[in-house]
């Protein structure tokens, strides 16, 4: 079953910030490897969206660990998957907001 994946503006900003960090501090190989991990995670979510744990029942937010430093937060509504955030786990968790 095909499920539409939509990235929120915050998630797009998170991804851009991470890619910028990787480009400045690492190399292209690391950046490509990270993008591949994001691709694998989103494909997994698209196939079986309920496989990851709910961390916020009210908002129906689920958590998918992409790397030990990055976690993808999403919500599955009908046939649509909304990527809400791509959070760097080294940040203060109080910064994690879902607008």
N, C-alpha and C. Protein backbone atom coordinates (compact mmCIF):
# COMPACT_ATOMS: atom_id res chain seq x y z
N UNK A 1 0.84 -1.19 0.00
CA UNK A 1 0.00 0.00 0.00
C UNK A 1 0.88 1.25 0.00
N UNK A 2 0.59 2.16 -0.91
CA UNK A 2 1.36 3.41 -1.00
C UNK A 2 0.82 4.41 0.01
N UNK A 3 1.71 4.96 0.80
CA UNK A 3 1.35 5.98 1.77
C UNK A 3 2.13 7.25 1.46
N UNK A 4 1.44 8.34 1.41
CA UNK A 4 2.07 9.63 1.14
C UNK A 4 2.87 10.05 2.37
N UNK A 5 4.10 10.51 2.14
CA UNK A 5 4.95 11.01 3.23
C UNK A 5 5.11 12.50 3.05
N UNK A 6 4.75 13.24 4.09
CA UNK A 6 4.83 14.70 4.06
C UNK A 6 5.78 15.15 5.18
N UNK A 7 6.74 15.98 4.80
CA UNK A 7 7.67 16.54 5.79
C UNK A 7 7.14 17.91 6.22
N UNK A 8 7.03 18.10 7.53
CA UNK A 8 6.61 19.40 8.05
C UNK A 8 7.73 20.41 7.84
N UNK A 9 7.41 21.71 7.86
CA UNK A 9 8.47 22.72 7.75
C UNK A 9 9.55 22.57 8.83
N UNK A 10 9.15 22.20 10.05
CA UNK A 10 10.14 22.00 11.12
C UNK A 10 11.06 20.82 10.81
N UNK A 11 10.49 19.74 10.30
CA UNK A 11 11.30 18.57 9.96
C UNK A 11 12.26 18.89 8.82
N UNK A 12 11.78 19.64 7.83
CA UNK A 12 12.67 20.05 6.73
C UNK A 12 13.81 20.92 7.24
N UNK A 13 13.48 21.81 8.16
CA UNK A 13 14.51 22.67 8.76
C UNK A 13 15.51 21.83 9.56
N UNK A 14 15.00 20.86 10.33
CA UNK A 14 15.87 19.97 11.10
C UNK A 14 16.83 19.23 10.16
N UNK A 15 16.29 18.68 9.07
CA UNK A 15 17.11 17.95 8.11
C UNK A 15 18.16 18.86 7.50
N UNK A 16 17.75 20.06 7.11
CA UNK A 16 18.71 21.02 6.55
C UNK A 16 19.83 21.36 7.52
N UNK A 17 19.49 21.55 8.79
CA UNK A 17 20.51 21.86 9.80
C UNK A 17 21.49 20.70 9.98
N UNK A 18 20.96 19.49 9.99
CA UNK A 18 21.84 18.32 10.15
C UNK A 18 22.75 18.16 8.93
N UNK A 19 22.19 18.32 7.74
CA UNK A 19 23.00 18.19 6.53
C UNK A 19 24.07 19.28 6.46
N UNK A 20 23.73 20.47 6.89
CA UNK A 20 24.70 21.57 6.93
C UNK A 20 25.84 21.24 7.89
N UNK A 21 25.48 20.72 9.06
CA UNK A 21 26.48 20.32 10.05
C UNK A 21 27.41 19.24 9.48
N UNK A 22 26.81 18.23 8.85
CA UNK A 22 27.62 17.15 8.28
C UNK A 22 28.55 17.66 7.19
N UNK A 23 28.05 18.56 6.34
CA UNK A 23 28.87 19.10 5.25
C UNK A 23 30.04 19.92 5.79
N UNK A 24 29.81 20.65 6.87
CA UNK A 24 30.86 21.50 7.44
C UNK A 24 31.88 20.71 8.25
N UNK A 25 31.44 19.66 8.94
CA UNK A 25 32.29 18.98 9.90
C UNK A 25 32.73 17.57 9.50
N UNK A 26 32.10 17.01 8.49
CA UNK A 26 32.45 15.66 8.06
C UNK A 26 32.74 15.68 6.58
N UNK A 27 32.32 14.65 5.87
CA UNK A 27 32.58 14.63 4.43
C UNK A 27 31.34 14.14 3.69
N UNK A 28 31.44 14.12 2.38
CA UNK A 28 30.29 13.77 1.55
C UNK A 28 29.85 12.32 1.79
N UNK A 29 30.79 11.44 2.06
CA UNK A 29 30.47 10.03 2.30
C UNK A 29 29.57 9.89 3.54
N UNK A 30 29.88 10.62 4.59
CA UNK A 30 29.09 10.58 5.82
C UNK A 30 27.69 11.15 5.56
N UNK A 31 27.63 12.23 4.80
CA UNK A 31 26.35 12.85 4.46
C UNK A 31 25.48 11.89 3.66
N UNK A 32 26.05 11.24 2.67
CA UNK A 32 25.30 10.28 1.85
C UNK A 32 24.83 9.10 2.70
N UNK A 33 25.69 8.62 3.58
CA UNK A 33 25.32 7.52 4.47
C UNK A 33 24.13 7.92 5.36
N UNK A 34 24.16 9.13 5.87
CA UNK A 34 23.06 9.61 6.70
C UNK A 34 21.76 9.69 5.89
N UNK A 35 21.83 10.24 4.69
CA UNK A 35 20.64 10.32 3.83
C UNK A 35 20.09 8.94 3.50
N UNK A 36 20.97 7.96 3.32
CA UNK A 36 20.52 6.59 3.09
C UNK A 36 19.77 6.04 4.30
N UNK A 37 20.25 6.35 5.49
CA UNK A 37 19.57 5.91 6.71
C UNK A 37 18.19 6.55 6.84
N UNK A 38 18.08 7.81 6.47
CA UNK A 38 16.78 8.49 6.48
C UNK A 38 15.84 7.82 5.48
N UNK A 39 16.36 7.49 4.32
CA UNK A 39 15.56 6.83 3.29
C UNK A 39 15.07 5.46 3.77
N UNK A 40 15.94 4.69 4.39
CA UNK A 40 15.56 3.37 4.92
C UNK A 40 14.47 3.54 5.98
N UNK A 41 14.65 4.49 6.88
CA UNK A 41 13.68 4.71 7.96
C UNK A 41 12.32 5.10 7.40
N UNK A 42 12.29 6.04 6.46
CA UNK A 42 11.00 6.48 5.91
C UNK A 42 10.33 5.36 5.11
N UNK A 43 11.12 4.53 4.43
CA UNK A 43 10.54 3.38 3.72
C UNK A 43 9.95 2.37 4.69
N UNK A 44 10.63 2.14 5.82
CA UNK A 44 10.10 1.25 6.85
C UNK A 44 8.78 1.79 7.39
N UNK A 45 8.77 3.07 7.68
CA UNK A 45 7.56 3.71 8.22
C UNK A 45 6.42 3.60 7.20
N UNK A 46 6.73 3.82 5.94
CA UNK A 46 5.70 3.75 4.90
C UNK A 46 5.11 2.35 4.78
N UNK A 47 5.95 1.32 4.95
CA UNK A 47 5.47 -0.06 4.84
C UNK A 47 4.61 -0.46 6.04
N UNK A 48 5.11 -0.18 7.24
CA UNK A 48 4.40 -0.57 8.46
C UNK A 48 4.45 0.60 9.44
N UNK A 49 3.56 1.57 9.28
CA UNK A 49 3.65 2.79 10.08
C UNK A 49 3.43 2.60 11.58
N UNK A 50 2.76 1.54 11.97
CA UNK A 50 2.48 1.34 13.39
C UNK A 50 3.55 0.53 14.12
N UNK A 51 4.66 0.26 13.47
CA UNK A 51 5.69 -0.58 14.08
C UNK A 51 6.51 0.13 15.16
N UNK A 52 6.50 1.45 15.15
CA UNK A 52 7.31 2.19 16.12
C UNK A 52 6.43 2.69 17.26
N UNK A 53 7.02 2.86 18.45
CA UNK A 53 6.21 3.20 19.63
C UNK A 53 5.64 4.63 19.60
N UNK A 54 4.46 4.74 20.19
CA UNK A 54 3.84 6.06 20.37
C UNK A 54 4.46 6.71 21.59
N UNK A 55 4.89 7.96 21.44
CA UNK A 55 5.49 8.68 22.58
C UNK A 55 4.57 9.79 23.08
N UNK A 56 3.54 10.10 22.30
CA UNK A 56 2.56 11.11 22.70
C UNK A 56 1.20 10.65 22.19
N UNK A 57 0.39 10.08 23.10
CA UNK A 57 -0.91 9.53 22.70
C UNK A 57 -1.86 10.60 22.19
N UNK A 58 -1.86 11.75 22.84
CA UNK A 58 -2.78 12.82 22.46
C UNK A 58 -2.56 13.25 21.01
N UNK A 59 -1.30 13.44 20.64
CA UNK A 59 -0.96 13.88 19.28
C UNK A 59 -0.68 12.72 18.33
N UNK A 60 -0.68 11.47 18.85
CA UNK A 60 -0.39 10.27 18.06
C UNK A 60 1.00 10.32 17.42
N UNK A 61 1.98 10.82 18.16
CA UNK A 61 3.35 10.94 17.67
C UNK A 61 4.11 9.65 17.96
N UNK A 62 4.79 9.16 16.94
CA UNK A 62 5.61 7.96 17.06
C UNK A 62 7.08 8.32 16.89
N UNK A 63 7.95 7.43 17.37
CA UNK A 63 9.38 7.69 17.41
C UNK A 63 10.14 6.59 16.68
N UNK A 64 10.99 6.98 15.73
CA UNK A 64 11.83 6.04 14.99
C UNK A 64 13.28 6.51 15.13
N UNK A 65 14.11 5.68 15.76
CA UNK A 65 15.53 6.02 15.92
C UNK A 65 16.24 5.74 14.59
N UNK A 66 16.83 6.79 14.03
CA UNK A 66 17.54 6.68 12.75
C UNK A 66 19.00 6.36 13.00
N UNK A 67 19.62 7.12 13.87
CA UNK A 67 20.99 6.86 14.34
C UNK A 67 20.97 7.13 15.83
N UNK A 68 22.06 6.84 16.52
CA UNK A 68 22.04 7.10 17.96
C UNK A 68 21.98 8.60 18.25
N UNK A 69 22.29 9.43 17.26
CA UNK A 69 22.23 10.88 17.44
C UNK A 69 20.95 11.51 16.89
N UNK A 70 20.16 10.78 16.11
CA UNK A 70 19.01 11.38 15.42
C UNK A 70 17.77 10.48 15.51
N UNK A 71 16.68 11.10 15.88
CA UNK A 71 15.40 10.40 15.98
C UNK A 71 14.37 11.12 15.14
N UNK A 72 13.59 10.34 14.41
CA UNK A 72 12.55 10.87 13.55
C UNK A 72 11.21 10.71 14.27
N UNK A 73 10.46 11.79 14.37
CA UNK A 73 9.15 11.76 15.00
C UNK A 73 8.10 11.96 13.92
N UNK A 74 7.09 11.13 13.94
CA UNK A 74 6.07 11.18 12.89
C UNK A 74 4.70 10.81 13.44
N UNK A 75 3.70 11.04 12.60
CA UNK A 75 2.34 10.65 12.94
C UNK A 75 1.73 10.02 11.69
N UNK A 76 0.93 8.99 11.91
CA UNK A 76 0.28 8.27 10.82
C UNK A 76 -1.22 8.52 10.91
N UNK A 77 -1.75 9.19 9.90
CA UNK A 77 -3.18 9.51 9.86
C UNK A 77 -3.72 9.02 8.52
N UNK A 78 -4.63 8.04 8.60
CA UNK A 78 -5.23 7.42 7.42
C UNK A 78 -4.14 6.92 6.48
N UNK A 79 -4.04 7.46 5.28
CA UNK A 79 -3.04 6.98 4.33
C UNK A 79 -1.87 7.94 4.20
N UNK A 80 -1.71 8.80 5.20
CA UNK A 80 -0.68 9.83 5.14
C UNK A 80 0.24 9.75 6.35
N UNK A 81 1.53 9.89 6.09
CA UNK A 81 2.52 9.92 7.16
C UNK A 81 3.11 11.32 7.21
N UNK A 82 3.02 11.93 8.37
CA UNK A 82 3.56 13.28 8.56
C UNK A 82 4.85 13.19 9.37
N UNK A 83 5.96 13.53 8.76
CA UNK A 83 7.23 13.61 9.48
C UNK A 83 7.21 14.95 10.20
N UNK A 84 7.21 14.89 11.53
CA UNK A 84 7.07 16.10 12.33
C UNK A 84 8.41 16.74 12.68
N UNK A 85 9.38 15.91 13.06
CA UNK A 85 10.69 16.42 13.45
C UNK A 85 11.76 15.38 13.15
N UNK A 86 12.97 15.83 12.94
CA UNK A 86 14.16 14.99 12.88
C UNK A 86 15.08 15.59 13.93
N UNK A 87 15.06 15.01 15.10
CA UNK A 87 15.67 15.64 16.28
C UNK A 87 17.04 15.06 16.59
N UNK A 88 18.00 15.96 16.80
CA UNK A 88 19.34 15.59 17.23
C UNK A 88 19.27 15.31 18.73
N UNK A 89 19.49 14.08 19.12
CA UNK A 89 19.30 13.67 20.52
C UNK A 89 20.34 14.26 21.46
N UNK A 90 21.35 14.94 20.94
CA UNK A 90 22.34 15.58 21.80
C UNK A 90 21.85 16.94 22.29
N UNK A 91 20.73 17.41 21.74
CA UNK A 91 20.15 18.68 22.18
C UNK A 91 19.38 18.50 23.48
N UNK A 92 19.05 19.60 24.08
CA UNK A 92 18.19 19.60 25.26
C UNK A 92 16.81 19.10 24.84
N UNK A 93 16.28 18.04 25.46
CA UNK A 93 14.97 17.51 25.05
C UNK A 93 13.83 18.52 25.21
N UNK A 94 14.03 19.55 26.00
CA UNK A 94 12.99 20.58 26.15
C UNK A 94 12.81 21.38 24.86
N UNK A 95 13.79 21.29 23.96
CA UNK A 95 13.68 21.99 22.67
C UNK A 95 12.76 21.26 21.69
N UNK A 96 12.44 20.00 22.00
CA UNK A 96 11.61 19.21 21.09
C UNK A 96 10.15 19.65 21.21
N UNK A 97 9.65 20.25 20.18
CA UNK A 97 8.27 20.72 20.13
C UNK A 97 7.64 20.25 18.83
N UNK A 98 6.37 19.95 18.89
CA UNK A 98 5.60 19.58 17.70
C UNK A 98 4.56 20.65 17.47
N UNK A 99 4.80 21.55 16.53
CA UNK A 99 3.85 22.64 16.27
C UNK A 99 2.82 22.21 15.28
